[in-house]
């Protein structure tokens, strides 16, 4: 019984390692909506400072789906 448990555990571990967990998930808001992130200096594409995102108006918690779109 102990050997079966060990083999089962190893099989599950191998399967888990073979299927990498992609973060964020493919259907998450970060991947399916337009996001308005600033560059590494905190600047938007139009040269203004991000607040912290680069949407014209409010964005969701991920910086995506901004009202009015992104500043370009």
N, C-alpha and C. Protein backbone atom coordinates (compact mmCIF):
# COMPACT_ATOMS: atom_id res chain seq x y z
N UNK A 1 0.82 -1.20 0.00
CA UNK A 1 0.00 0.00 0.00
C UNK A 1 0.87 1.26 0.00
N UNK A 2 1.97 1.22 0.77
CA UNK A 2 2.85 2.38 0.84
C UNK A 2 3.49 2.65 -0.52
N UNK A 3 3.87 1.59 -1.23
CA UNK A 3 4.47 1.75 -2.55
C UNK A 3 3.47 2.37 -3.53
N UNK A 4 2.22 1.96 -3.45
CA UNK A 4 1.18 2.53 -4.31
C UNK A 4 1.02 4.02 -4.04
N UNK A 5 1.04 4.39 -2.78
CA UNK A 5 0.91 5.80 -2.39
C UNK A 5 2.07 6.61 -2.96
N UNK A 6 3.28 6.10 -2.83
CA UNK A 6 4.47 6.80 -3.32
C UNK A 6 4.41 6.94 -4.83
N UNK A 7 4.06 5.87 -5.53
CA UNK A 7 3.95 5.93 -6.99
C UNK A 7 2.87 6.90 -7.44
N UNK A 8 1.75 6.90 -6.75
CA UNK A 8 0.67 7.83 -7.08
C UNK A 8 1.12 9.27 -6.89
N UNK A 9 1.80 9.52 -5.80
CA UNK A 9 2.29 10.86 -5.50
C UNK A 9 3.30 11.32 -6.55
N UNK A 10 4.20 10.43 -6.95
CA UNK A 10 5.18 10.76 -7.98
C UNK A 10 4.50 11.03 -9.32
N UNK A 11 3.50 10.24 -9.66
CA UNK A 11 2.78 10.45 -10.92
C UNK A 11 2.07 11.80 -10.92
N UNK A 12 1.44 12.15 -9.82
CA UNK A 12 0.76 13.44 -9.73
C UNK A 12 1.75 14.59 -9.80
N UNK A 13 2.88 14.45 -9.14
CA UNK A 13 3.90 15.50 -9.17
C UNK A 13 4.44 15.67 -10.59
N UNK A 14 4.70 14.58 -11.28
CA UNK A 14 5.21 14.66 -12.65
C UNK A 14 4.18 15.31 -13.57
N UNK A 15 2.92 14.99 -13.41
CA UNK A 15 1.88 15.60 -14.23
C UNK A 15 1.79 17.10 -13.95
N UNK A 16 1.90 17.47 -12.70
CA UNK A 16 1.84 18.88 -12.33
C UNK A 16 2.99 19.67 -12.91
N UNK A 17 4.17 19.07 -12.96
CA UNK A 17 5.33 19.75 -13.53
C UNK A 17 5.26 19.80 -15.04
N UNK A 18 4.60 18.83 -15.65
CA UNK A 18 4.49 18.80 -17.10
C UNK A 18 3.48 19.82 -17.62
N UNK A 19 2.57 20.25 -16.79
CA UNK A 19 1.57 21.24 -17.16
C UNK A 19 1.88 22.55 -16.45
N UNK A 20 2.68 23.43 -17.04
CA UNK A 20 3.04 24.67 -16.35
C UNK A 20 1.80 25.52 -16.10
N UNK A 21 1.77 26.12 -14.95
CA UNK A 21 0.66 26.98 -14.56
C UNK A 21 0.92 28.38 -15.08
N UNK A 22 0.19 28.78 -16.12
CA UNK A 22 0.38 30.10 -16.69
C UNK A 22 -0.34 31.13 -15.85
N UNK A 23 0.40 32.13 -15.43
CA UNK A 23 -0.20 33.25 -14.72
C UNK A 23 0.09 34.50 -15.50
N UNK A 24 -0.83 35.31 -15.78
CA UNK A 24 -2.25 35.16 -15.53
C UNK A 24 -2.89 34.13 -16.46
N UNK A 25 -4.04 33.66 -16.06
CA UNK A 25 -4.76 32.65 -16.82
C UNK A 25 -5.12 33.20 -18.20
N UNK A 26 -5.21 32.34 -19.22
CA UNK A 26 -5.51 32.80 -20.58
C UNK A 26 -6.82 33.58 -20.71
N UNK A 27 -7.80 33.30 -19.86
CA UNK A 27 -9.07 34.01 -19.96
C UNK A 27 -9.21 35.11 -18.92
N UNK A 28 -8.13 35.52 -18.29
CA UNK A 28 -8.19 36.55 -17.26
C UNK A 28 -8.28 37.93 -17.91
N UNK A 29 -8.72 38.94 -17.17
CA UNK A 29 -8.84 40.29 -17.72
C UNK A 29 -7.53 40.83 -18.27
N UNK A 30 -6.40 40.45 -17.67
CA UNK A 30 -5.12 40.96 -18.16
C UNK A 30 -4.82 40.53 -19.59
N UNK A 31 -5.38 39.41 -20.02
CA UNK A 31 -5.10 38.91 -21.36
C UNK A 31 -6.22 39.16 -22.35
N UNK A 32 -7.42 39.39 -21.90
CA UNK A 32 -8.55 39.50 -22.82
C UNK A 32 -9.03 40.92 -23.02
N UNK A 33 -8.56 41.87 -22.25
CA UNK A 33 -9.00 43.25 -22.38
C UNK A 33 -7.81 44.13 -22.72
N UNK A 34 -8.09 45.29 -23.30
CA UNK A 34 -7.02 46.25 -23.55
C UNK A 34 -6.56 46.81 -22.22
N UNK A 35 -5.26 46.75 -21.98
CA UNK A 35 -4.69 47.24 -20.74
C UNK A 35 -3.85 48.47 -21.03
N UNK A 36 -3.82 49.38 -20.09
CA UNK A 36 -3.14 50.66 -20.26
C UNK A 36 -2.05 50.81 -19.21
N UNK A 37 -0.97 50.09 -19.38
CA UNK A 37 0.12 50.13 -18.41
C UNK A 37 1.17 51.16 -18.82
N UNK A 38 1.80 51.77 -17.82
CA UNK A 38 2.89 52.69 -18.06
C UNK A 38 4.17 51.90 -18.34
N UNK A 39 5.19 52.58 -18.87
CA UNK A 39 6.47 51.91 -19.10
C UNK A 39 7.24 51.80 -17.78
N UNK A 40 8.46 51.34 -17.85
CA UNK A 40 9.24 51.11 -16.62
C UNK A 40 9.55 52.40 -15.87
N UNK A 41 9.44 53.55 -16.54
CA UNK A 41 9.66 54.84 -15.88
C UNK A 41 8.37 55.46 -15.38
N UNK A 42 7.25 54.77 -15.57
CA UNK A 42 5.96 55.29 -15.13
C UNK A 42 5.31 56.24 -16.12
N UNK A 43 5.83 56.29 -17.34
CA UNK A 43 5.30 57.19 -18.37
C UNK A 43 4.38 56.45 -19.33
N UNK A 44 3.37 57.17 -19.78
CA UNK A 44 2.44 56.63 -20.78
C UNK A 44 2.98 56.91 -22.17
N UNK A 45 2.35 56.34 -23.20
CA UNK A 45 2.81 56.52 -24.57
C UNK A 45 2.76 57.98 -25.02
N UNK A 46 1.87 58.78 -24.42
CA UNK A 46 1.78 60.19 -24.80
C UNK A 46 2.75 61.07 -24.02
N UNK A 47 3.60 60.47 -23.18
CA UNK A 47 4.60 61.22 -22.43
C UNK A 47 4.16 61.67 -21.05
N UNK A 48 2.89 61.50 -20.72
CA UNK A 48 2.41 61.91 -19.41
C UNK A 48 2.71 60.84 -18.38
N UNK A 49 2.66 61.22 -17.12
CA UNK A 49 2.90 60.29 -16.02
C UNK A 49 1.66 59.42 -15.80
N UNK A 50 1.85 58.12 -15.62
CA UNK A 50 0.74 57.22 -15.33
C UNK A 50 0.22 57.44 -13.92
N UNK A 51 -1.05 57.21 -13.72
CA UNK A 51 -1.68 57.51 -12.41
C UNK A 51 -2.42 56.33 -11.81
N UNK A 52 -1.99 55.18 -11.56
CA UNK A 52 -0.74 54.58 -12.03
C UNK A 52 -0.86 54.00 -13.43
N UNK A 53 -2.09 53.94 -13.96
CA UNK A 53 -2.29 53.40 -15.30
C UNK A 53 -2.47 54.53 -16.29
N UNK A 54 -2.55 54.20 -17.55
CA UNK A 54 -2.57 55.21 -18.61
C UNK A 54 -3.92 55.31 -19.31
N UNK A 55 -5.00 55.03 -18.60
CA UNK A 55 -6.33 55.22 -19.17
C UNK A 55 -6.74 56.68 -19.08
N UNK A 56 -7.64 57.09 -19.99
CA UNK A 56 -8.15 58.46 -19.91
C UNK A 56 -8.96 58.66 -18.63
N UNK A 57 -9.71 57.64 -18.26
CA UNK A 57 -10.48 57.70 -17.01
C UNK A 57 -10.17 56.45 -16.21
N UNK A 58 -11.06 56.02 -15.36
CA UNK A 58 -10.78 54.92 -14.43
C UNK A 58 -10.59 53.58 -15.16
N UNK A 59 -9.70 52.76 -14.57
CA UNK A 59 -9.42 51.41 -15.06
C UNK A 59 -9.75 50.43 -13.95
N UNK A 60 -9.86 49.15 -14.29
CA UNK A 60 -10.08 48.16 -13.24
C UNK A 60 -8.79 47.93 -12.47
N UNK A 61 -8.84 47.06 -11.50
CA UNK A 61 -7.69 46.84 -10.62
C UNK A 61 -6.46 46.32 -11.35
N UNK A 62 -6.64 45.75 -12.54
CA UNK A 62 -5.53 45.22 -13.32
C UNK A 62 -4.97 46.24 -14.31
N UNK A 63 -5.55 47.44 -14.36
CA UNK A 63 -5.12 48.45 -15.33
C UNK A 63 -5.70 48.21 -16.71
N UNK A 64 -6.78 47.46 -16.77
CA UNK A 64 -7.40 47.10 -18.04
C UNK A 64 -8.83 47.65 -18.09
N UNK A 65 -9.42 47.58 -19.28
CA UNK A 65 -10.81 47.99 -19.47
C UNK A 65 -11.02 49.43 -18.99
N UNK A 66 -10.12 50.32 -19.39
CA UNK A 66 -10.18 51.71 -18.94
C UNK A 66 -11.27 52.47 -19.68
N UNK A 67 -12.02 53.26 -18.94
CA UNK A 67 -13.05 54.11 -19.55
C UNK A 67 -12.36 55.14 -20.45
N UNK A 68 -12.79 55.24 -21.67
CA UNK A 68 -12.20 56.19 -22.61
C UNK A 68 -10.96 55.69 -23.32
N UNK A 69 -10.52 54.48 -23.03
CA UNK A 69 -9.35 53.91 -23.69
C UNK A 69 -8.04 54.37 -23.07
N UNK A 70 -6.95 54.06 -23.74
CA UNK A 70 -5.61 54.38 -23.25
C UNK A 70 -5.10 55.69 -23.84
N UNK A 71 -4.26 56.37 -23.08
CA UNK A 71 -3.60 57.58 -23.57
C UNK A 71 -2.49 57.18 -24.54
N UNK A 72 -2.52 57.74 -25.74
CA UNK A 72 -1.49 57.40 -26.76
C UNK A 72 -0.71 58.63 -27.13
